[in-house]
């Protein structure tokens, strides 16, 4: 999977944001469900790379899924 374009915080921000549309919340949940499925397959190496200048605006469930984080 390769994502191009904007920052990850624009798509995967906190689900508790006021005024967030229910459809966006469902997209985040679906993304995390697929991510969990990828991480459970043995013998595969998957790299998920995300960039943002607002890491603390990301949903906590998304942050937990990253094994490594680099804050510069």
N, C-alpha and C. Protein backbone atom coordinates (compact mmCIF):
# COMPACT_ATOMS: atom_id res chain seq x y z
N UNK A 1 0.84 -1.17 0.00
CA UNK A 1 0.00 0.00 0.00
C UNK A 1 0.89 1.23 0.00
N UNK A 2 0.56 2.16 -0.81
CA UNK A 2 1.33 3.39 -0.86
C UNK A 2 0.35 4.55 -0.87
N UNK A 3 0.54 5.44 0.08
CA UNK A 3 -0.31 6.62 0.13
C UNK A 3 0.47 7.82 -0.38
N UNK A 4 -0.18 8.62 -1.18
CA UNK A 4 0.48 9.81 -1.70
C UNK A 4 -0.37 11.02 -1.36
N UNK A 5 0.27 12.13 -1.27
CA UNK A 5 -0.50 13.36 -1.07
C UNK A 5 -0.28 13.94 0.30
N UNK A 6 -1.37 14.34 0.92
CA UNK A 6 -1.33 15.11 2.16
C UNK A 6 -0.79 14.35 3.36
N UNK A 7 -0.80 15.04 4.44
CA UNK A 7 -0.29 14.48 5.70
C UNK A 7 -1.27 13.44 6.24
N UNK A 8 -0.73 12.51 7.00
CA UNK A 8 -1.54 11.44 7.57
C UNK A 8 -2.53 11.98 8.60
N UNK A 9 -2.23 13.08 9.26
CA UNK A 9 -3.15 13.61 10.28
C UNK A 9 -4.46 14.10 9.68
N UNK A 10 -4.45 14.44 8.40
CA UNK A 10 -5.69 14.91 7.77
C UNK A 10 -6.69 13.76 7.60
N UNK A 11 -6.20 12.53 7.47
CA UNK A 11 -7.09 11.38 7.32
C UNK A 11 -7.26 10.59 8.61
N UNK A 12 -6.22 10.52 9.42
CA UNK A 12 -6.24 9.64 10.59
C UNK A 12 -6.16 10.41 11.91
N UNK A 13 -6.78 11.56 11.96
CA UNK A 13 -6.81 12.35 13.19
C UNK A 13 -7.72 11.73 14.23
N UNK A 14 -7.79 12.36 15.39
CA UNK A 14 -8.61 11.88 16.50
C UNK A 14 -10.05 11.63 16.06
N UNK A 15 -10.59 10.49 16.45
CA UNK A 15 -11.98 10.18 16.12
C UNK A 15 -12.96 10.95 16.98
N UNK A 16 -12.49 11.58 18.02
CA UNK A 16 -13.37 12.32 18.93
C UNK A 16 -13.50 13.78 18.54
N UNK A 17 -12.95 14.17 17.40
CA UNK A 17 -13.04 15.57 16.96
C UNK A 17 -14.49 16.01 16.82
N UNK A 18 -14.76 17.19 17.31
CA UNK A 18 -16.10 17.76 17.19
C UNK A 18 -16.38 18.08 15.73
N UNK A 19 -17.54 17.72 15.26
CA UNK A 19 -17.93 18.04 13.89
C UNK A 19 -17.43 17.06 12.84
N UNK A 20 -16.76 16.00 13.26
CA UNK A 20 -16.28 15.03 12.27
C UNK A 20 -17.46 14.23 11.73
N UNK A 21 -17.47 14.02 10.46
CA UNK A 21 -18.55 13.28 9.80
C UNK A 21 -18.43 11.80 10.13
N UNK A 22 -19.56 11.14 10.30
CA UNK A 22 -19.59 9.71 10.62
C UNK A 22 -18.89 8.87 9.54
N UNK A 23 -18.98 9.28 8.29
CA UNK A 23 -18.32 8.54 7.21
C UNK A 23 -16.80 8.52 7.41
N UNK A 24 -16.23 9.63 7.86
CA UNK A 24 -14.78 9.68 8.10
C UNK A 24 -14.40 8.74 9.24
N UNK A 25 -15.23 8.68 10.26
CA UNK A 25 -14.98 7.78 11.38
C UNK A 25 -14.99 6.32 10.90
N UNK A 26 -15.90 6.00 10.01
CA UNK A 26 -15.98 4.63 9.47
C UNK A 26 -14.76 4.30 8.62
N UNK A 27 -14.27 5.27 7.86
CA UNK A 27 -13.06 5.07 7.05
C UNK A 27 -11.87 4.74 7.95
N UNK A 28 -11.73 5.49 9.05
CA UNK A 28 -10.62 5.23 9.99
C UNK A 28 -10.73 3.83 10.58
N UNK A 29 -11.93 3.45 11.00
CA UNK A 29 -12.11 2.11 11.56
C UNK A 29 -11.79 1.03 10.54
N UNK A 30 -12.20 1.22 9.31
CA UNK A 30 -11.92 0.25 8.25
C UNK A 30 -10.41 0.16 7.99
N UNK A 31 -9.74 1.30 7.96
CA UNK A 31 -8.29 1.34 7.76
C UNK A 31 -7.58 0.54 8.85
N UNK A 32 -7.99 0.76 10.11
CA UNK A 32 -7.34 0.06 11.22
C UNK A 32 -7.63 -1.43 11.18
N UNK A 33 -8.82 -1.82 10.77
CA UNK A 33 -9.16 -3.24 10.65
C UNK A 33 -8.27 -3.91 9.61
N UNK A 34 -8.08 -3.27 8.47
CA UNK A 34 -7.21 -3.83 7.43
C UNK A 34 -5.76 -3.86 7.89
N UNK A 35 -5.33 -2.83 8.59
CA UNK A 35 -3.96 -2.77 9.09
C UNK A 35 -3.72 -3.94 10.05
N UNK A 36 -4.66 -4.20 10.95
CA UNK A 36 -4.52 -5.32 11.88
C UNK A 36 -4.43 -6.64 11.12
N UNK A 37 -5.18 -6.80 10.06
CA UNK A 37 -5.12 -8.01 9.26
C UNK A 37 -3.77 -8.19 8.60
N UNK A 38 -3.17 -7.11 8.15
CA UNK A 38 -1.84 -7.17 7.54
C UNK A 38 -0.79 -7.59 8.55
N UNK A 39 -0.92 -7.12 9.77
CA UNK A 39 0.09 -7.38 10.79
C UNK A 39 0.02 -8.80 11.33
N UNK A 40 -1.05 -9.54 11.06
CA UNK A 40 -1.18 -10.88 11.61
C UNK A 40 -0.70 -11.98 10.66
N UNK A 41 -0.42 -11.64 9.42
CA UNK A 41 0.05 -12.64 8.47
C UNK A 41 1.53 -12.92 8.70
N UNK A 42 1.86 -14.18 8.90
CA UNK A 42 3.25 -14.52 9.20
C UNK A 42 4.09 -14.57 7.92
N UNK A 43 5.37 -14.34 8.10
CA UNK A 43 6.30 -14.43 6.99
C UNK A 43 6.30 -13.26 6.03
N UNK A 44 5.58 -12.22 6.37
CA UNK A 44 5.54 -11.05 5.49
C UNK A 44 6.14 -9.85 6.20
N UNK A 45 6.74 -9.00 5.43
CA UNK A 45 7.31 -7.77 5.96
C UNK A 45 6.56 -6.61 5.31
N UNK A 46 5.96 -5.80 6.14
CA UNK A 46 5.17 -4.67 5.64
C UNK A 46 5.69 -3.40 6.29
N UNK A 47 5.90 -2.38 5.49
CA UNK A 47 6.36 -1.10 5.99
C UNK A 47 5.25 -0.08 5.80
N UNK A 48 4.84 0.51 6.90
CA UNK A 48 3.87 1.60 6.85
C UNK A 48 4.61 2.84 7.29
N UNK A 49 4.70 3.80 6.41
CA UNK A 49 5.42 5.03 6.67
C UNK A 49 4.44 6.19 6.59
N UNK A 50 4.45 7.01 7.62
CA UNK A 50 3.52 8.14 7.66
C UNK A 50 4.29 9.39 8.05
N UNK A 51 3.86 10.51 7.53
CA UNK A 51 4.51 11.78 7.84
C UNK A 51 3.46 12.81 8.24
N UNK A 52 3.79 13.57 9.27
CA UNK A 52 2.92 14.65 9.72
C UNK A 52 3.74 15.65 10.52
N UNK A 53 3.29 16.87 10.52
CA UNK A 53 3.92 17.85 11.40
C UNK A 53 3.06 18.06 12.65
N UNK A 54 2.03 17.21 12.81
CA UNK A 54 1.14 17.28 13.97
C UNK A 54 0.90 15.88 14.52
N UNK A 55 1.94 15.20 15.02
CA UNK A 55 1.79 13.80 15.45
C UNK A 55 0.81 13.61 16.60
N UNK A 56 0.63 14.62 17.43
CA UNK A 56 -0.24 14.47 18.59
C UNK A 56 -1.71 14.69 18.24
N UNK A 57 -1.98 15.00 16.97
CA UNK A 57 -3.36 15.09 16.50
C UNK A 57 -3.86 13.76 15.94
N UNK A 58 -2.96 12.78 15.82
CA UNK A 58 -3.36 11.48 15.31
C UNK A 58 -4.19 10.72 16.35
N UNK A 59 -5.05 9.86 15.86
CA UNK A 59 -5.84 9.02 16.75
C UNK A 59 -4.91 8.10 17.53
N UNK A 60 -5.18 7.93 18.82
CA UNK A 60 -4.31 7.10 19.67
C UNK A 60 -4.23 5.66 19.17
N UNK A 61 -5.31 5.15 18.62
CA UNK A 61 -5.30 3.78 18.10
C UNK A 61 -4.36 3.65 16.90
N UNK A 62 -4.25 4.69 16.12
CA UNK A 62 -3.32 4.70 14.98
C UNK A 62 -1.88 4.73 15.50
N UNK A 63 -1.61 5.60 16.45
CA UNK A 63 -0.26 5.74 17.00
C UNK A 63 0.21 4.41 17.59
N UNK A 64 -0.68 3.70 18.28
CA UNK A 64 -0.30 2.41 18.89
C UNK A 64 0.11 1.38 17.85
N UNK A 65 -0.38 1.49 16.66
CA UNK A 65 -0.07 0.51 15.62
C UNK A 65 1.33 0.68 15.04
N UNK A 66 1.94 1.82 15.24
CA UNK A 66 3.31 2.04 14.77
C UNK A 66 4.29 1.50 15.81
N UNK A 67 5.16 0.59 15.39
CA UNK A 67 6.16 0.05 16.30
C UNK A 67 7.21 1.09 16.65
N UNK A 68 7.54 1.91 15.69
CA UNK A 68 8.58 2.93 15.90
C UNK A 68 8.02 4.30 15.54
N UNK A 69 8.46 5.28 16.29
CA UNK A 69 8.07 6.67 16.02
C UNK A 69 9.31 7.53 16.10
N UNK A 70 9.40 8.48 15.21
CA UNK A 70 10.54 9.39 15.19
C UNK A 70 10.02 10.81 15.20
N UNK A 71 10.25 11.49 16.30
CA UNK A 71 9.84 12.90 16.41
C UNK A 71 11.09 13.76 16.30
N UNK A 72 11.19 14.52 15.24
CA UNK A 72 12.38 15.37 15.05
C UNK A 72 12.04 16.81 15.28
